[in-house]
């Protein structure tokens, strides 16, 4: 299918973000994108995706499996050739990294 090669990195990034918004933190009923757990998304022109993400706490029970789950979901996006999720702990996640919508949803305003 040749049309997937015509997806621009910008469009692919938007599609990846849409998928990230369907993945929810296991402990907080908000998606990982709105929670501010996604620190960086890099998309190559060849369709490789690299994501730096964190978790709400280093001792999170899904620390071992969650990055792989996120990779699998990102791989489902048409045009993505490879996906790699790197778990990072710097800067440490705080509630201030959440979107305004997430803070409203959790009653933090």
N, C-alpha and C. Protein backbone atom coordinates (compact mmCIF):
# COMPACT_ATOMS: atom_id res chain seq x y z
N UNK A 1 0.84 -1.17 0.00
CA UNK A 1 0.00 0.00 0.00
C UNK A 1 0.89 1.24 0.00
N UNK A 2 0.94 1.94 -1.08
CA UNK A 2 1.86 3.06 -1.21
C UNK A 2 1.40 4.33 -0.53
N UNK A 3 0.10 4.50 -0.28
CA UNK A 3 -0.36 5.75 0.27
C UNK A 3 0.19 6.02 1.68
N UNK A 4 0.55 4.98 2.43
CA UNK A 4 1.08 5.24 3.76
C UNK A 4 2.46 5.88 3.72
N UNK A 5 3.16 5.77 2.60
CA UNK A 5 4.46 6.42 2.48
C UNK A 5 4.30 7.92 2.26
N UNK A 6 3.11 8.37 1.93
CA UNK A 6 2.87 9.77 1.66
C UNK A 6 2.45 10.53 2.91
N UNK A 7 2.33 9.85 4.03
CA UNK A 7 1.95 10.52 5.27
C UNK A 7 3.15 11.34 5.75
N UNK A 8 2.93 12.62 5.98
CA UNK A 8 4.01 13.48 6.45
C UNK A 8 4.32 13.16 7.92
N UNK A 9 5.54 13.43 8.34
CA UNK A 9 5.86 13.22 9.77
C UNK A 9 4.93 14.01 10.68
N UNK A 10 4.52 15.20 10.25
CA UNK A 10 3.62 16.02 11.05
C UNK A 10 2.27 15.33 11.21
N UNK A 11 1.72 14.79 10.10
CA UNK A 11 0.44 14.10 10.16
C UNK A 11 0.56 12.83 10.98
N UNK A 12 1.67 12.11 10.80
CA UNK A 12 1.88 10.88 11.55
C UNK A 12 1.95 11.18 13.05
N UNK A 13 2.59 12.29 13.41
CA UNK A 13 2.66 12.67 14.82
C UNK A 13 1.26 12.93 15.37
N UNK A 14 0.42 13.61 14.59
CA UNK A 14 -0.95 13.86 15.03
C UNK A 14 -1.70 12.54 15.23
N UNK A 15 -1.51 11.59 14.31
CA UNK A 15 -2.16 10.29 14.42
C UNK A 15 -1.67 9.53 15.65
N UNK A 16 -0.37 9.61 15.92
CA UNK A 16 0.21 8.94 17.09
C UNK A 16 -0.38 9.56 18.36
N UNK A 17 -0.48 10.88 18.40
CA UNK A 17 -1.05 11.56 19.58
C UNK A 17 -2.49 11.12 19.80
N UNK A 18 -3.26 10.97 18.71
CA UNK A 18 -4.64 10.51 18.85
C UNK A 18 -4.70 9.13 19.50
N UNK A 19 -3.78 8.24 19.13
CA UNK A 19 -3.73 6.91 19.74
C UNK A 19 -3.30 7.02 21.21
N UNK A 20 -2.32 7.87 21.49
CA UNK A 20 -1.88 8.04 22.88
C UNK A 20 -3.02 8.52 23.77
N UNK A 21 -3.93 9.29 23.19
CA UNK A 21 -5.07 9.80 23.96
C UNK A 21 -6.10 8.71 24.25
N UNK A 22 -5.90 7.51 23.71
CA UNK A 22 -6.81 6.39 24.00
C UNK A 22 -6.21 5.43 25.02
N UNK A 23 -4.99 5.72 25.49
CA UNK A 23 -4.30 4.86 26.45
C UNK A 23 -4.39 5.53 27.82
N UNK A 24 -4.93 4.80 28.77
CA UNK A 24 -5.16 5.38 30.09
C UNK A 24 -4.19 4.86 31.12
N UNK A 25 -3.79 5.75 32.01
CA UNK A 25 -2.97 5.37 33.15
C UNK A 25 -3.78 4.37 33.99
N UNK A 26 -3.15 3.29 34.44
CA UNK A 26 -3.90 2.28 35.19
C UNK A 26 -4.41 2.77 36.55
N UNK A 27 -3.82 3.83 37.08
CA UNK A 27 -4.20 4.29 38.42
C UNK A 27 -5.02 5.56 38.42
N UNK A 28 -4.98 6.32 37.32
CA UNK A 28 -5.68 7.60 37.23
C UNK A 28 -6.53 7.55 35.97
N UNK A 29 -7.81 7.87 36.06
CA UNK A 29 -8.70 7.72 34.89
C UNK A 29 -8.55 8.85 33.85
N UNK A 30 -7.32 9.09 33.43
CA UNK A 30 -7.02 10.11 32.44
C UNK A 30 -6.00 9.51 31.47
N UNK A 31 -6.10 9.87 30.19
CA UNK A 31 -5.16 9.30 29.22
C UNK A 31 -3.75 9.82 29.46
N UNK A 32 -2.77 9.04 29.00
CA UNK A 32 -1.37 9.34 29.30
C UNK A 32 -0.88 10.63 28.65
N UNK A 33 -1.51 11.02 27.54
CA UNK A 33 -1.10 12.27 26.88
C UNK A 33 -1.54 13.48 27.70
N UNK A 34 -2.81 13.48 28.11
CA UNK A 34 -3.33 14.60 28.90
C UNK A 34 -2.71 14.64 30.30
N UNK A 35 -2.29 13.48 30.80
CA UNK A 35 -1.62 13.44 32.10
C UNK A 35 -0.23 14.08 32.06
N UNK A 36 0.30 14.26 30.86
CA UNK A 36 1.64 14.83 30.74
C UNK A 36 2.73 13.79 30.88
N UNK A 37 2.39 12.52 30.66
CA UNK A 37 3.40 11.46 30.77
C UNK A 37 4.25 11.34 29.52
N UNK A 38 3.81 11.93 28.42
CA UNK A 38 4.57 11.90 27.17
C UNK A 38 5.43 13.15 27.11
N UNK A 39 6.74 12.97 27.19
CA UNK A 39 7.66 14.10 27.22
C UNK A 39 8.10 14.51 25.81
N UNK A 40 8.23 13.54 24.91
CA UNK A 40 8.75 13.86 23.59
C UNK A 40 8.30 12.79 22.60
N UNK A 41 7.96 13.25 21.38
CA UNK A 41 7.62 12.34 20.29
C UNK A 41 8.44 12.75 19.09
N UNK A 42 9.26 11.84 18.60
CA UNK A 42 10.06 12.10 17.40
C UNK A 42 9.60 11.15 16.30
N UNK A 43 9.34 11.71 15.13
CA UNK A 43 8.89 10.93 13.99
C UNK A 43 9.90 11.12 12.86
N UNK A 44 10.43 10.04 12.33
CA UNK A 44 11.36 10.14 11.21
C UNK A 44 10.56 10.13 9.90
N UNK A 45 11.17 10.56 8.83
CA UNK A 45 10.50 10.56 7.53
C UNK A 45 10.23 9.13 7.06
N UNK A 46 10.92 8.15 7.63
CA UNK A 46 10.70 6.76 7.23
C UNK A 46 9.61 6.08 8.07
N UNK A 47 9.01 6.83 9.02
CA UNK A 47 7.93 6.25 9.81
C UNK A 47 8.34 5.62 11.11
N UNK A 48 9.55 5.91 11.57
CA UNK A 48 10.00 5.42 12.87
C UNK A 48 9.58 6.42 13.95
N UNK A 49 9.05 5.90 15.04
CA UNK A 49 8.55 6.74 16.12
C UNK A 49 9.35 6.45 17.38
N UNK A 50 9.85 7.51 18.01
CA UNK A 50 10.54 7.39 19.29
C UNK A 50 9.80 8.27 20.28
N UNK A 51 9.40 7.68 21.39
CA UNK A 51 8.65 8.41 22.41
C UNK A 51 9.39 8.31 23.74
N UNK A 52 9.58 9.47 24.36
CA UNK A 52 10.07 9.51 25.74
C UNK A 52 8.86 9.70 26.62
N UNK A 53 8.66 8.78 27.54
CA UNK A 53 7.54 8.92 28.46
C UNK A 53 7.98 8.60 29.87
N UNK A 54 7.19 9.02 30.82
CA UNK A 54 7.46 8.73 32.21
C UNK A 54 6.22 8.11 32.81
N UNK A 55 6.27 7.82 34.08
CA UNK A 55 5.12 7.33 34.82
C UNK A 55 4.90 8.26 36.01
N UNK A 56 3.75 8.17 36.62
CA UNK A 56 3.46 9.07 37.73
C UNK A 56 4.37 8.82 38.92
N UNK A 57 4.90 7.59 39.04
CA UNK A 57 5.82 7.27 40.13
C UNK A 57 6.75 6.15 39.69
N UNK A 58 8.04 6.22 40.08
CA UNK A 58 8.99 5.17 39.68
C UNK A 58 8.56 3.77 40.14
N UNK A 59 7.85 3.67 41.23
CA UNK A 59 7.42 2.37 41.74
C UNK A 59 6.10 1.89 41.15
N UNK A 60 5.66 2.54 40.09
CA UNK A 60 4.39 2.19 39.46
C UNK A 60 4.40 0.70 39.10
N UNK A 61 3.32 -0.02 39.42
CA UNK A 61 3.30 -1.46 39.18
C UNK A 61 3.38 -1.86 37.70
N UNK A 62 3.11 -0.95 36.79
CA UNK A 62 3.16 -1.29 35.37
C UNK A 62 4.45 -0.82 34.70
N UNK A 63 5.43 -0.40 35.49
CA UNK A 63 6.67 0.16 34.93
C UNK A 63 7.34 -0.78 33.93
N UNK A 64 7.26 -2.09 34.17
CA UNK A 64 7.91 -3.04 33.28
C UNK A 64 7.13 -3.27 31.99
N UNK A 65 5.80 -3.31 32.08
CA UNK A 65 4.99 -3.69 30.92
C UNK A 65 4.39 -2.53 30.14
N UNK A 66 4.18 -1.40 30.78
CA UNK A 66 3.44 -0.31 30.15
C UNK A 66 4.12 0.25 28.90
N UNK A 67 5.44 0.49 28.91
CA UNK A 67 6.07 0.99 27.67
C UNK A 67 5.85 0.07 26.48
N UNK A 68 5.91 -1.24 26.69
CA UNK A 68 5.67 -2.19 25.61
C UNK A 68 4.23 -2.13 25.12
N UNK A 69 3.30 -1.94 26.05
CA UNK A 69 1.89 -1.79 25.67
C UNK A 69 1.70 -0.55 24.81
N UNK A 70 2.34 0.55 25.20
CA UNK A 70 2.24 1.80 24.44
C UNK A 70 2.85 1.60 23.05
N UNK A 71 4.02 0.94 22.98
CA UNK A 71 4.65 0.66 21.68
C UNK A 71 3.70 -0.11 20.77
N UNK A 72 3.05 -1.13 21.31
CA UNK A 72 2.13 -1.95 20.51
C UNK A 72 0.99 -1.11 19.96
N UNK A 73 0.45 -0.23 20.77
CA UNK A 73 -0.65 0.61 20.32
C UNK A 73 -0.18 1.59 19.24
N UNK A 74 1.02 2.16 19.43
CA UNK A 74 1.56 3.10 18.43
C UNK A 74 1.83 2.37 17.12
N UNK A 75 2.27 1.12 17.19
CA UNK A 75 2.53 0.34 15.98
C UNK A 75 1.26 0.13 15.15
N UNK A 76 0.10 0.26 15.77
CA UNK A 76 -1.16 0.08 15.05
C UNK A 76 -1.52 1.27 14.17
N UNK A 77 -0.80 2.38 14.32
CA UNK A 77 -1.08 3.58 13.53
C UNK A 77 -0.58 3.37 12.10
N UNK A 78 -1.44 3.54 11.09
CA UNK A 78 -0.99 3.40 9.71
C UNK A 78 0.15 4.36 9.40
N UNK A 79 1.21 3.83 8.81
CA UNK A 79 2.38 4.64 8.47
C UNK A 79 3.53 4.47 9.44
N UNK A 80 3.27 3.93 10.63
CA UNK A 80 4.34 3.70 11.60
C UNK A 80 5.06 2.42 11.23
N UNK A 81 6.37 2.52 11.03
CA UNK A 81 7.19 1.35 10.69
C UNK A 81 7.76 0.68 11.93
N UNK A 82 8.26 1.52 12.84
CA UNK A 82 8.83 1.03 14.10
C UNK A 82 8.41 2.00 15.19
N UNK A 83 8.27 1.47 16.40
CA UNK A 83 7.96 2.32 17.54
C UNK A 83 8.85 1.91 18.70
N UNK A 84 9.41 2.89 19.36
CA UNK A 84 10.22 2.64 20.55
C UNK A 84 9.80 3.62 21.62
N UNK A 85 9.44 3.10 22.78
CA UNK A 85 9.07 3.93 23.92
C UNK A 85 10.17 3.80 24.96
N UNK A 86 10.75 4.92 25.31
CA UNK A 86 11.80 4.93 26.33
C UNK A 86 11.23 5.52 27.60
N UNK A 87 11.38 4.80 28.69
CA UNK A 87 10.92 5.27 29.99
C UNK A 87 12.00 6.16 30.58
N UNK A 88 11.64 7.40 30.88
CA UNK A 88 12.59 8.36 31.45
C UNK A 88 12.03 8.87 32.78
N UNK A 89 12.93 9.28 33.64
CA UNK A 89 12.50 9.76 34.97
C UNK A 89 12.88 11.21 35.21
N UNK A 90 13.49 11.83 34.22
CA UNK A 90 13.86 13.24 34.34
C UNK A 90 13.20 14.02 33.21
N UNK A 91 12.54 15.10 33.46
CA UNK A 91 12.24 15.59 34.80
C UNK A 91 11.18 14.73 35.46
N UNK A 92 11.18 14.74 36.77
CA UNK A 92 10.19 13.95 37.51
C UNK A 92 8.80 14.50 37.22
N UNK A 93 7.85 13.60 37.01
CA UNK A 93 6.47 14.01 36.72
C UNK A 93 5.84 14.66 37.95
N UNK A 94 5.10 15.74 37.69
CA UNK A 94 4.32 16.37 38.75
C UNK A 94 2.93 16.66 38.20
N UNK A 95 1.99 16.95 39.07
CA UNK A 95 0.62 17.25 38.65
C UNK A 95 0.57 18.47 37.72
N UNK A 96 1.56 19.34 37.81
CA UNK A 96 1.58 20.53 36.96
C UNK A 96 1.77 20.19 35.48
N UNK A 97 2.21 18.98 35.17
CA UNK A 97 2.42 18.57 33.78
C UNK A 97 1.13 18.14 33.10
N UNK A 98 0.07 17.99 33.89
CA UNK A 98 -1.21 17.59 33.32
C UNK A 98 -1.82 18.74 32.54
N UNK A 99 -2.58 18.40 31.51
CA UNK A 99 -3.29 19.43 30.76
C UNK A 99 -4.37 20.03 31.65
N UNK A 100 -4.84 21.19 31.26
CA UNK A 100 -5.92 21.83 31.99
C UNK A 100 -7.16 20.92 32.01
N UNK A 101 -7.42 20.26 30.87
CA UNK A 101 -8.58 19.36 30.78
C UNK A 101 -8.46 18.21 31.79
N UNK A 102 -7.26 17.65 31.92
CA UNK A 102 -7.05 16.55 32.87
C UNK A 102 -7.23 17.05 34.30
N UNK A 103 -6.72 18.24 34.60
CA UNK A 103 -6.87 18.78 35.93
C UNK A 103 -8.35 19.04 36.26
N UNK A 104 -9.08 19.53 35.27
CA UNK A 104 -10.52 19.74 35.46
C UNK A 104 -11.22 18.41 35.70
N UNK A 105 -10.86 17.40 34.90
CA UNK A 105 -11.48 16.09 35.04
C UNK A 105 -11.27 15.49 36.42
N UNK A 106 -10.11 15.74 36.97
CA UNK A 106 -9.78 15.20 38.30
C UNK A 106 -10.16 16.14 39.43
N UNK A 107 -10.79 17.28 39.10
CA UNK A 107 -11.23 18.23 40.12
C UNK A 107 -10.10 18.95 40.79
N UNK A 108 -9.05 19.26 40.05
CA UNK A 108 -7.89 19.92 40.65
C UNK A 108 -7.90 21.43 40.46
N UNK A 109 -8.97 21.95 39.90
CA UNK A 109 -9.08 23.41 39.74
C UNK A 109 -10.04 23.96 40.77
